[in-house]
N, C-alpha and C. Protein backbone atom coordinates (compact mmCIF):
# COMPACT_ATOMS: atom_id res chain seq x y z
N UNK A 1 18.73 -22.42 3.95
CA UNK A 1 19.97 -22.17 3.24
C UNK A 1 20.05 -20.67 2.82
N UNK A 2 18.91 -20.11 2.40
CA UNK A 2 19.01 -18.72 1.92
C UNK A 2 19.25 -17.76 3.09
N UNK A 3 18.83 -18.12 4.36
CA UNK A 3 19.17 -17.27 5.46
C UNK A 3 20.66 -17.27 5.70
N UNK A 4 21.37 -18.36 5.44
CA UNK A 4 22.82 -18.36 5.58
C UNK A 4 23.51 -17.43 4.58
N UNK A 5 22.96 -17.45 3.34
CA UNK A 5 23.52 -16.54 2.37
C UNK A 5 23.23 -15.09 2.78
N UNK A 6 22.08 -14.80 3.27
CA UNK A 6 21.69 -13.46 3.71
C UNK A 6 22.61 -13.00 4.87
N UNK A 7 22.87 -13.98 5.78
CA UNK A 7 23.72 -13.70 6.88
C UNK A 7 25.13 -13.39 6.41
N UNK A 8 25.57 -14.16 5.43
CA UNK A 8 26.93 -13.90 4.86
C UNK A 8 27.05 -12.55 4.22
N UNK A 9 25.93 -12.17 3.45
CA UNK A 9 25.96 -10.79 2.86
C UNK A 9 26.03 -9.71 3.91
N UNK A 10 25.30 -9.92 4.98
CA UNK A 10 25.29 -8.95 6.08
C UNK A 10 26.66 -8.95 6.79
N UNK A 11 27.24 -10.13 6.95
CA UNK A 11 28.59 -10.26 7.56
C UNK A 11 29.62 -9.51 6.81
N UNK A 12 29.57 -9.63 5.43
CA UNK A 12 30.52 -8.95 4.60
C UNK A 12 30.30 -7.43 4.74
N UNK A 13 29.05 -6.99 4.80
CA UNK A 13 28.80 -5.53 5.03
C UNK A 13 29.42 -5.08 6.33
N UNK A 14 29.23 -5.83 7.39
CA UNK A 14 29.78 -5.43 8.69
C UNK A 14 31.30 -5.47 8.62
N UNK A 15 31.87 -6.43 8.01
CA UNK A 15 33.35 -6.52 7.90
C UNK A 15 33.94 -5.36 7.16
N UNK A 16 33.26 -4.88 6.09
CA UNK A 16 33.78 -3.66 5.39
C UNK A 16 33.68 -2.47 6.27
N UNK A 17 32.61 -2.35 7.03
CA UNK A 17 32.51 -1.23 7.90
C UNK A 17 33.54 -1.21 8.98
N UNK A 18 33.83 -2.41 9.52
CA UNK A 18 34.88 -2.58 10.51
C UNK A 18 36.27 -2.21 9.91
N UNK A 19 36.47 -2.60 8.67
CA UNK A 19 37.76 -2.25 7.99
C UNK A 19 37.88 -0.73 7.83
N UNK A 20 36.77 -0.12 7.51
CA UNK A 20 36.81 1.37 7.33
C UNK A 20 37.18 2.02 8.66
N UNK A 21 36.59 1.56 9.79
CA UNK A 21 36.84 2.15 11.10
C UNK A 21 38.30 1.87 11.54
N UNK A 22 38.82 0.67 11.24
CA UNK A 22 40.19 0.35 11.73
C UNK A 22 41.26 1.00 10.83
N UNK A 23 41.06 0.92 9.52
CA UNK A 23 42.09 1.44 8.66
C UNK A 23 41.90 2.87 8.24
N UNK A 24 40.67 3.31 8.11
CA UNK A 24 40.39 4.65 7.66
C UNK A 24 40.74 4.82 6.17
N UNK A 25 40.88 3.72 5.46
CA UNK A 25 41.27 3.73 4.06
C UNK A 25 40.06 4.10 3.19
N UNK A 26 40.32 5.08 2.31
CA UNK A 26 39.23 5.55 1.39
C UNK A 26 38.81 4.42 0.40
N UNK A 27 39.73 3.52 0.12
CA UNK A 27 39.38 2.42 -0.80
C UNK A 27 38.33 1.48 -0.16
N UNK A 28 38.41 1.37 1.15
CA UNK A 28 37.38 0.56 1.85
C UNK A 28 35.98 1.26 1.73
N UNK A 29 36.01 2.58 1.79
CA UNK A 29 34.73 3.27 1.64
C UNK A 29 34.18 3.07 0.27
N UNK A 30 34.99 3.13 -0.75
CA UNK A 30 34.58 2.88 -2.13
C UNK A 30 34.10 1.42 -2.30
N UNK A 31 34.86 0.48 -1.58
CA UNK A 31 34.42 -0.92 -1.65
C UNK A 31 33.02 -1.09 -1.10
N UNK A 32 32.73 -0.35 0.07
CA UNK A 32 31.40 -0.38 0.69
C UNK A 32 30.39 0.10 -0.25
N UNK A 33 30.60 1.22 -0.94
CA UNK A 33 29.63 1.80 -1.86
C UNK A 33 29.39 0.84 -2.97
N UNK A 34 30.45 0.26 -3.59
CA UNK A 34 30.23 -0.73 -4.69
C UNK A 34 29.55 -1.94 -4.19
N UNK A 35 29.86 -2.45 -3.02
CA UNK A 35 29.24 -3.59 -2.46
C UNK A 35 27.76 -3.37 -2.28
N UNK A 36 27.39 -2.27 -1.67
CA UNK A 36 25.99 -2.00 -1.39
C UNK A 36 25.22 -1.87 -2.70
N UNK A 37 25.80 -1.20 -3.68
CA UNK A 37 25.11 -1.05 -5.00
C UNK A 37 24.94 -2.39 -5.66
N UNK A 38 26.03 -3.19 -5.60
CA UNK A 38 25.99 -4.52 -6.29
C UNK A 38 24.92 -5.44 -5.64
N UNK A 39 24.90 -5.46 -4.32
CA UNK A 39 23.99 -6.36 -3.56
C UNK A 39 22.61 -5.86 -3.82
N UNK A 40 22.32 -4.55 -3.74
CA UNK A 40 20.98 -4.08 -3.98
C UNK A 40 20.51 -4.30 -5.43
N UNK A 41 21.45 -4.18 -6.39
CA UNK A 41 21.09 -4.49 -7.77
C UNK A 41 20.75 -5.91 -7.95
N UNK A 42 21.56 -6.82 -7.34
CA UNK A 42 21.23 -8.25 -7.43
C UNK A 42 19.92 -8.59 -6.82
N UNK A 43 19.65 -7.96 -5.66
CA UNK A 43 18.37 -8.23 -4.97
C UNK A 43 17.22 -7.67 -5.74
N UNK A 44 17.37 -6.50 -6.33
CA UNK A 44 16.27 -5.96 -7.23
C UNK A 44 15.98 -6.84 -8.38
N UNK A 45 16.96 -7.42 -8.98
CA UNK A 45 16.74 -8.32 -10.15
C UNK A 45 16.06 -9.59 -9.70
N UNK A 46 16.50 -10.11 -8.56
CA UNK A 46 15.89 -11.42 -8.09
C UNK A 46 14.64 -11.16 -7.28
N UNK A 47 14.28 -9.90 -6.98
CA UNK A 47 13.03 -9.57 -6.23
C UNK A 47 13.02 -10.16 -4.86
N UNK A 48 14.12 -10.02 -4.13
CA UNK A 48 14.24 -10.62 -2.77
C UNK A 48 14.69 -9.53 -1.75
N UNK A 49 14.46 -9.86 -0.50
CA UNK A 49 15.00 -9.09 0.57
C UNK A 49 16.09 -9.92 1.22
N UNK A 50 17.16 -9.29 1.60
CA UNK A 50 18.28 -10.07 2.12
C UNK A 50 18.63 -9.79 3.58
N UNK A 51 17.69 -9.26 4.35
CA UNK A 51 17.94 -9.06 5.76
C UNK A 51 18.01 -10.51 6.41
N UNK A 52 18.98 -10.73 7.21
CA UNK A 52 19.08 -12.10 7.80
C UNK A 52 17.84 -12.49 8.67
N UNK A 53 17.42 -13.70 8.54
CA UNK A 53 16.39 -14.30 9.32
C UNK A 53 15.02 -13.67 9.18
N UNK A 54 14.70 -13.20 7.95
CA UNK A 54 13.38 -12.64 7.69
C UNK A 54 12.34 -13.71 7.70
N UNK A 55 11.27 -13.49 8.48
CA UNK A 55 10.19 -14.50 8.51
C UNK A 55 8.86 -13.90 8.12
N UNK A 56 8.82 -12.61 7.94
CA UNK A 56 7.50 -11.97 7.59
C UNK A 56 7.24 -12.23 6.07
N UNK A 57 6.05 -12.71 5.81
CA UNK A 57 5.61 -13.05 4.43
C UNK A 57 5.71 -11.93 3.41
N UNK A 58 5.68 -10.70 3.86
CA UNK A 58 5.73 -9.56 2.93
C UNK A 58 7.16 -9.56 2.27
N UNK A 59 8.14 -10.01 3.08
CA UNK A 59 9.52 -9.94 2.55
C UNK A 59 9.91 -11.17 1.82
N UNK A 60 9.19 -12.31 2.00
CA UNK A 60 9.59 -13.59 1.43
C UNK A 60 8.95 -13.81 0.07
N UNK A 61 7.88 -13.21 -0.26
CA UNK A 61 7.23 -13.41 -1.53
C UNK A 61 6.50 -12.19 -2.01
N UNK A 62 6.24 -12.20 -3.31
CA UNK A 62 5.51 -11.09 -3.84
C UNK A 62 4.01 -11.33 -3.75
N UNK A 63 3.20 -10.26 -3.70
CA UNK A 63 1.79 -10.41 -3.57
C UNK A 63 1.14 -10.92 -4.82
N UNK A 64 -0.03 -11.47 -4.67
CA UNK A 64 -0.80 -11.97 -5.78
C UNK A 64 -2.29 -11.60 -5.51
N UNK A 65 -2.82 -10.71 -6.31
CA UNK A 65 -4.18 -10.28 -6.08
C UNK A 65 -5.27 -11.31 -6.25
N UNK A 66 -4.89 -12.52 -6.81
CA UNK A 66 -5.86 -13.57 -6.95
C UNK A 66 -5.71 -14.65 -5.88
N UNK A 67 -4.83 -14.45 -4.94
CA UNK A 67 -4.66 -15.41 -3.86
C UNK A 67 -5.58 -15.08 -2.69
N UNK A 68 -6.29 -16.02 -2.18
CA UNK A 68 -7.25 -15.77 -1.06
C UNK A 68 -6.55 -15.28 0.18
N UNK A 69 -7.13 -14.34 0.82
CA UNK A 69 -6.58 -13.77 2.09
C UNK A 69 -7.66 -13.97 3.13
N UNK A 70 -7.31 -14.58 4.27
CA UNK A 70 -8.22 -14.73 5.41
C UNK A 70 -7.75 -14.05 6.58
N UNK A 71 -8.76 -13.49 7.30
CA UNK A 71 -8.44 -12.82 8.57
C UNK A 71 -9.61 -12.89 9.49
N UNK A 72 -9.39 -12.89 10.82
CA UNK A 72 -10.51 -12.95 11.73
C UNK A 72 -11.20 -11.58 11.84
N UNK A 73 -12.48 -11.60 12.06
CA UNK A 73 -13.23 -10.36 12.27
C UNK A 73 -14.20 -10.60 13.49
N UNK A 74 -14.08 -9.65 14.39
CA UNK A 74 -14.96 -9.73 15.61
C UNK A 74 -16.18 -8.83 15.35
N UNK A 75 -17.35 -9.40 15.51
CA UNK A 75 -18.59 -8.67 15.27
C UNK A 75 -19.49 -8.84 16.48
N UNK A 76 -20.28 -7.80 16.78
CA UNK A 76 -21.19 -7.87 17.88
C UNK A 76 -22.63 -8.23 17.26
N UNK A 77 -23.45 -8.82 18.12
CA UNK A 77 -24.83 -9.28 17.71
C UNK A 77 -25.79 -8.57 18.64
N UNK A 78 -26.80 -7.96 17.99
CA UNK A 78 -27.83 -7.22 18.78
C UNK A 78 -28.98 -8.22 19.10
N UNK A 79 -29.96 -7.76 19.92
CA UNK A 79 -31.02 -8.70 20.30
C UNK A 79 -31.82 -9.23 19.16
N UNK A 80 -31.82 -8.60 18.00
CA UNK A 80 -32.54 -9.13 16.78
C UNK A 80 -31.70 -10.12 16.01
N UNK A 81 -30.46 -10.29 16.38
CA UNK A 81 -29.56 -11.22 15.65
C UNK A 81 -28.81 -10.55 14.59
N UNK A 82 -28.84 -9.26 14.39
CA UNK A 82 -28.11 -8.61 13.32
C UNK A 82 -26.63 -8.42 13.85
N UNK A 83 -25.66 -8.56 12.89
CA UNK A 83 -24.29 -8.35 13.24
C UNK A 83 -23.92 -6.85 13.00
N UNK A 84 -23.02 -6.43 13.90
CA UNK A 84 -22.58 -5.02 13.79
C UNK A 84 -21.08 -4.99 13.96
N UNK A 85 -20.43 -4.13 13.20
CA UNK A 85 -18.99 -3.86 13.34
C UNK A 85 -18.70 -3.30 14.74
N UNK A 86 -17.58 -3.63 15.32
CA UNK A 86 -17.20 -3.13 16.62
C UNK A 86 -16.20 -2.02 16.44
N UNK A 87 -16.36 -0.98 17.20
CA UNK A 87 -15.43 0.18 17.19
C UNK A 87 -14.05 -0.35 17.54
N UNK A 88 -13.04 -0.24 16.72
CA UNK A 88 -11.68 -0.78 16.97
C UNK A 88 -11.01 -0.14 18.14
N UNK A 89 -11.54 1.05 18.56
CA UNK A 89 -10.91 1.72 19.72
C UNK A 89 -11.21 0.99 21.04
N UNK A 90 -12.26 0.15 21.03
CA UNK A 90 -12.63 -0.60 22.23
C UNK A 90 -11.63 -1.60 22.63
N UNK A 91 -10.80 -2.08 21.69
CA UNK A 91 -9.78 -3.09 22.03
C UNK A 91 -8.53 -2.43 22.58
N UNK A 92 -8.47 -1.16 22.65
CA UNK A 92 -7.29 -0.45 23.13
C UNK A 92 -6.77 -0.99 24.43
N UNK A 93 -5.47 -1.16 24.58
CA UNK A 93 -4.41 -0.58 23.83
C UNK A 93 -3.91 -1.36 22.66
N UNK A 94 -4.59 -2.45 22.32
CA UNK A 94 -4.19 -3.19 21.09
C UNK A 94 -5.19 -2.88 20.00
N UNK A 95 -4.86 -3.22 18.74
CA UNK A 95 -5.70 -3.01 17.66
C UNK A 95 -6.39 -4.27 17.18
N UNK A 96 -7.23 -4.11 16.10
CA UNK A 96 -7.96 -5.24 15.51
C UNK A 96 -7.00 -6.30 15.00
N UNK A 97 -5.95 -5.87 14.36
CA UNK A 97 -5.02 -6.88 13.74
C UNK A 97 -4.33 -7.68 14.86
N UNK A 98 -3.85 -7.00 15.85
CA UNK A 98 -3.15 -7.74 16.97
C UNK A 98 -4.09 -8.71 17.61
N UNK A 99 -5.33 -8.28 17.92
CA UNK A 99 -6.35 -9.22 18.48
C UNK A 99 -6.61 -10.34 17.57
N UNK A 100 -6.75 -10.11 16.26
CA UNK A 100 -7.00 -11.17 15.35
C UNK A 100 -5.86 -12.23 15.25
N UNK A 101 -4.67 -11.66 15.24
CA UNK A 101 -3.51 -12.59 15.24
C UNK A 101 -3.47 -13.41 16.48
N UNK A 102 -3.72 -12.76 17.65
CA UNK A 102 -3.71 -13.51 18.92
C UNK A 102 -4.79 -14.64 18.87
N UNK A 103 -5.97 -14.34 18.33
CA UNK A 103 -6.98 -15.27 18.31
C UNK A 103 -6.63 -16.48 17.37
N UNK A 104 -6.04 -16.17 16.23
CA UNK A 104 -5.66 -17.24 15.28
C UNK A 104 -4.60 -18.15 15.94
N UNK A 105 -3.66 -17.57 16.67
CA UNK A 105 -2.55 -18.33 17.24
C UNK A 105 -2.94 -19.09 18.50
N UNK A 106 -3.90 -18.61 19.26
CA UNK A 106 -4.19 -19.19 20.56
C UNK A 106 -5.50 -19.91 20.69
N UNK A 107 -6.46 -19.59 19.83
CA UNK A 107 -7.82 -20.11 20.11
C UNK A 107 -7.88 -21.65 20.06
N UNK A 108 -7.06 -22.21 19.22
CA UNK A 108 -7.09 -23.70 19.12
C UNK A 108 -6.46 -24.37 20.38
N UNK A 109 -5.57 -23.64 21.05
CA UNK A 109 -4.97 -24.14 22.26
C UNK A 109 -5.84 -24.01 23.50
N UNK A 110 -6.82 -23.13 23.44
CA UNK A 110 -7.67 -22.88 24.61
C UNK A 110 -8.70 -24.02 24.71
N UNK A 111 -9.07 -24.29 25.91
CA UNK A 111 -10.22 -25.20 26.11
C UNK A 111 -11.46 -24.45 25.73
N UNK A 112 -12.55 -25.14 25.66
CA UNK A 112 -13.82 -24.51 25.36
C UNK A 112 -14.24 -23.48 26.36
N UNK A 113 -13.94 -23.73 27.64
CA UNK A 113 -14.29 -22.77 28.73
C UNK A 113 -13.41 -21.59 28.60
N UNK A 114 -12.11 -21.75 28.32
CA UNK A 114 -11.15 -20.63 28.23
C UNK A 114 -11.56 -19.76 27.06
N UNK A 115 -12.02 -20.38 25.89
CA UNK A 115 -12.52 -19.56 24.79
C UNK A 115 -13.66 -18.70 25.18
N UNK A 116 -14.62 -19.37 25.90
CA UNK A 116 -15.79 -18.63 26.32
C UNK A 116 -15.41 -17.48 27.30
N UNK A 117 -14.43 -17.77 28.14
CA UNK A 117 -13.98 -16.66 29.08
C UNK A 117 -13.35 -15.52 28.31
N UNK A 118 -12.57 -15.82 27.35
CA UNK A 118 -11.91 -14.77 26.52
C UNK A 118 -12.97 -13.95 25.79
N UNK A 119 -13.92 -14.63 25.16
CA UNK A 119 -14.94 -13.94 24.42
C UNK A 119 -15.83 -13.15 25.38
N UNK A 120 -16.13 -13.63 26.56
CA UNK A 120 -16.89 -12.96 27.56
C UNK A 120 -16.17 -11.64 27.89
N UNK A 121 -14.88 -11.69 28.13
CA UNK A 121 -14.09 -10.51 28.42
C UNK A 121 -14.18 -9.49 27.29
N UNK A 122 -14.07 -9.99 26.03
CA UNK A 122 -14.17 -9.09 24.88
C UNK A 122 -15.53 -8.45 24.72
N UNK A 123 -16.60 -9.24 25.04
CA UNK A 123 -17.92 -8.78 24.96
C UNK A 123 -18.13 -7.65 25.97
N UNK A 124 -17.57 -7.84 27.15
CA UNK A 124 -17.61 -6.77 28.17
C UNK A 124 -16.96 -5.49 27.72
N UNK A 125 -15.81 -5.66 26.94
CA UNK A 125 -15.09 -4.48 26.49
C UNK A 125 -15.95 -3.71 25.45
N UNK A 126 -16.76 -4.47 24.69
CA UNK A 126 -17.59 -3.75 23.72
C UNK A 126 -18.71 -2.97 24.40
N UNK A 127 -19.00 -3.27 25.57
CA UNK A 127 -20.09 -2.52 26.32
C UNK A 127 -19.50 -1.30 27.03
N UNK A 128 -18.17 -1.12 27.03
CA UNK A 128 -17.58 -0.01 27.68
C UNK A 128 -17.37 1.11 26.68
N UNK A 129 -17.06 2.31 27.12
CA UNK A 129 -16.79 3.39 26.18
C UNK A 129 -15.26 3.36 25.80
N UNK A 130 -14.99 3.87 24.63
CA UNK A 130 -13.58 3.89 24.23
C UNK A 130 -12.71 4.68 25.18
N UNK A 131 -11.45 4.26 25.34
CA UNK A 131 -10.55 4.99 26.21
C UNK A 131 -10.23 6.34 25.66
N UNK A 132 -9.69 7.16 26.48
CA UNK A 132 -9.38 8.50 26.09
C UNK A 132 -8.44 8.52 24.93
N UNK A 133 -8.31 9.67 24.23
CA UNK A 133 -7.46 9.75 23.07
C UNK A 133 -6.01 9.44 23.44
N UNK A 134 -5.59 9.86 24.66
CA UNK A 134 -4.22 9.65 25.02
C UNK A 134 -3.83 8.23 25.17
N UNK A 135 -4.76 7.35 25.67
CA UNK A 135 -4.49 5.98 26.00
C UNK A 135 -4.78 5.03 24.86
N UNK A 136 -5.52 5.42 23.89
CA UNK A 136 -5.93 4.42 22.92
C UNK A 136 -4.80 4.10 21.93
N UNK A 137 -5.03 3.02 21.23
CA UNK A 137 -4.00 2.51 20.33
C UNK A 137 -3.83 3.54 19.13
N UNK A 138 -2.64 3.64 18.63
CA UNK A 138 -2.41 4.59 17.52
C UNK A 138 -3.33 4.33 16.33
N UNK A 139 -3.64 5.34 15.58
CA UNK A 139 -4.60 5.19 14.51
C UNK A 139 -4.05 4.34 13.35
N UNK A 140 -2.75 4.15 13.21
CA UNK A 140 -2.21 3.36 12.16
C UNK A 140 -2.45 1.86 12.35
N UNK A 141 -2.91 1.47 13.52
CA UNK A 141 -3.25 0.09 13.79
C UNK A 141 -4.60 -0.25 13.16
N UNK A 142 -5.38 0.74 12.88
CA UNK A 142 -6.72 0.48 12.36
C UNK A 142 -7.12 1.52 11.33
N UNK A 143 -7.55 1.01 10.19
CA UNK A 143 -7.97 1.95 9.17
C UNK A 143 -9.52 2.08 9.13
N UNK A 144 -10.12 1.40 10.10
CA UNK A 144 -11.60 1.50 10.20
C UNK A 144 -11.97 2.86 10.81
N UNK A 145 -12.99 3.42 10.25
CA UNK A 145 -13.55 4.66 10.79
C UNK A 145 -14.47 4.30 11.96
N UNK A 146 -14.23 4.90 13.11
CA UNK A 146 -15.08 4.56 14.26
C UNK A 146 -16.56 4.84 13.92
N UNK A 147 -17.40 3.83 14.30
CA UNK A 147 -18.87 3.96 14.06
C UNK A 147 -19.49 4.58 15.30
N UNK A 148 -20.59 5.23 15.07
CA UNK A 148 -21.30 5.78 16.24
C UNK A 148 -21.81 4.60 17.12
N UNK A 149 -21.84 4.89 18.43
CA UNK A 149 -22.32 3.80 19.34
C UNK A 149 -23.72 3.33 19.02
N UNK A 150 -23.93 2.02 19.18
CA UNK A 150 -25.24 1.50 18.92
C UNK A 150 -26.26 1.87 20.06
N UNK A 151 -27.48 2.01 19.67
CA UNK A 151 -28.50 2.38 20.66
C UNK A 151 -28.91 1.21 21.52
N UNK A 152 -28.76 0.01 20.95
CA UNK A 152 -29.11 -1.23 21.75
C UNK A 152 -27.80 -1.91 22.08
N UNK A 153 -27.70 -2.48 23.24
CA UNK A 153 -26.48 -3.18 23.67
C UNK A 153 -26.35 -4.48 22.88
N UNK A 154 -25.06 -4.88 22.72
CA UNK A 154 -24.77 -6.13 22.04
C UNK A 154 -24.97 -7.23 23.05
N UNK A 155 -25.56 -8.35 22.60
CA UNK A 155 -25.81 -9.45 23.52
C UNK A 155 -24.92 -10.60 23.23
N UNK A 156 -24.17 -10.60 22.11
CA UNK A 156 -23.28 -11.75 21.78
C UNK A 156 -22.11 -11.20 20.95
N UNK A 157 -21.07 -12.03 20.98
CA UNK A 157 -19.85 -11.68 20.17
C UNK A 157 -19.52 -12.91 19.32
N UNK A 158 -19.31 -12.59 18.04
CA UNK A 158 -18.91 -13.68 17.11
C UNK A 158 -17.53 -13.36 16.53
N UNK A 159 -16.79 -14.50 16.35
CA UNK A 159 -15.50 -14.42 15.62
C UNK A 159 -15.68 -15.09 14.29
N UNK A 160 -15.51 -14.32 13.22
CA UNK A 160 -15.66 -14.92 11.87
C UNK A 160 -14.34 -14.94 11.20
N UNK A 161 -14.11 -15.98 10.39
CA UNK A 161 -12.94 -16.01 9.51
C UNK A 161 -13.42 -15.53 8.15
N UNK A 162 -13.00 -14.33 7.80
CA UNK A 162 -13.38 -13.72 6.56
C UNK A 162 -12.39 -13.98 5.51
N UNK A 163 -12.81 -14.51 4.37
CA UNK A 163 -11.87 -14.81 3.32
C UNK A 163 -12.27 -14.01 2.06
N UNK A 164 -11.32 -13.40 1.43
CA UNK A 164 -11.56 -12.62 0.25
C UNK A 164 -10.38 -12.74 -0.68
N UNK A 165 -10.66 -12.54 -1.98
CA UNK A 165 -9.65 -12.48 -2.98
C UNK A 165 -9.53 -11.00 -3.32
N UNK A 166 -8.39 -10.35 -3.13
CA UNK A 166 -8.35 -8.93 -3.35
C UNK A 166 -8.86 -8.43 -4.69
N UNK A 167 -8.55 -9.12 -5.77
CA UNK A 167 -9.07 -8.69 -7.07
C UNK A 167 -10.57 -8.69 -7.12
N UNK A 168 -11.20 -9.75 -6.60
CA UNK A 168 -12.63 -9.81 -6.57
C UNK A 168 -13.26 -8.82 -5.59
N UNK A 169 -12.59 -8.62 -4.42
CA UNK A 169 -13.09 -7.68 -3.47
C UNK A 169 -13.12 -6.26 -4.08
N UNK A 170 -12.08 -5.86 -4.81
CA UNK A 170 -12.06 -4.61 -5.43
C UNK A 170 -13.07 -4.45 -6.53
N UNK A 171 -13.27 -5.57 -7.27
CA UNK A 171 -14.25 -5.54 -8.37
C UNK A 171 -15.71 -5.45 -7.91
N UNK A 172 -16.05 -6.35 -6.95
CA UNK A 172 -17.43 -6.38 -6.62
C UNK A 172 -17.73 -6.41 -5.13
N UNK A 173 -16.67 -6.41 -4.33
CA UNK A 173 -16.88 -6.40 -2.91
C UNK A 173 -17.27 -7.70 -2.30
N UNK A 174 -17.00 -8.85 -2.95
CA UNK A 174 -17.44 -10.13 -2.40
C UNK A 174 -16.39 -10.71 -1.44
N UNK A 175 -16.93 -11.33 -0.40
CA UNK A 175 -16.06 -12.03 0.56
C UNK A 175 -16.94 -13.08 1.27
N UNK A 176 -16.32 -14.07 1.83
CA UNK A 176 -17.10 -15.12 2.53
C UNK A 176 -16.67 -15.10 3.97
N UNK A 177 -17.51 -15.57 4.87
CA UNK A 177 -17.28 -15.61 6.27
C UNK A 177 -17.67 -16.96 6.86
N UNK A 178 -16.84 -17.49 7.78
CA UNK A 178 -17.15 -18.73 8.40
C UNK A 178 -17.08 -18.44 9.93
N UNK A 179 -18.06 -18.94 10.67
CA UNK A 179 -18.11 -18.71 12.11
C UNK A 179 -17.04 -19.58 12.78
N UNK A 180 -16.16 -18.98 13.55
CA UNK A 180 -15.16 -19.67 14.32
C UNK A 180 -15.61 -19.88 15.76
N UNK A 181 -16.20 -18.88 16.40
CA UNK A 181 -16.64 -18.95 17.79
C UNK A 181 -17.72 -17.94 18.06
N UNK A 182 -18.46 -18.18 19.10
CA UNK A 182 -19.48 -17.24 19.50
C UNK A 182 -19.70 -17.27 21.05
N UNK A 183 -19.92 -16.16 21.66
CA UNK A 183 -20.25 -16.09 23.10
C UNK A 183 -21.42 -15.13 23.25
N UNK A 184 -22.46 -15.46 24.00
CA UNK A 184 -22.71 -16.85 24.45
C UNK A 184 -23.15 -17.72 23.26
N UNK A 185 -23.01 -18.98 23.45
CA UNK A 185 -23.36 -19.92 22.30
C UNK A 185 -24.75 -19.95 22.04
């Protein structure tokens, strides 16, 4: 229902602009200014975004620092079993976030063999050197500082679902992780 209201607000906006182009009337320009200010004022008071068909959570609700946030994390495993962060440039031309979203959306649809094939491919990418500066993903896709390459090769890749509460993470750095997948098993 709210998307229909947002669409109507946008339709009125477009109709006023069309009226300005057709008639050239200065009153229509003033009506547009008043309309935009009134709609923005109402939206500010109700704390909403009114672009039609918005589906992104940032626009649909306000943040809550006590609400758990989960995201996938890909980590490499060395021969001693220790986990290591992976240089985000290795996933280029995509970033960590895009890879994580892909994994969350598609991993349940994949057969066990297809999951292992995907993780095998990603493990091979961790063994390669990062692409050149020109070809790698833009730095705004990742806020991670690239780590120096490991001296020992990674022998396994794990996908963890990391859950943290932002307020607790800022206060003490706590987060929990659950293993979603590993290659080789």
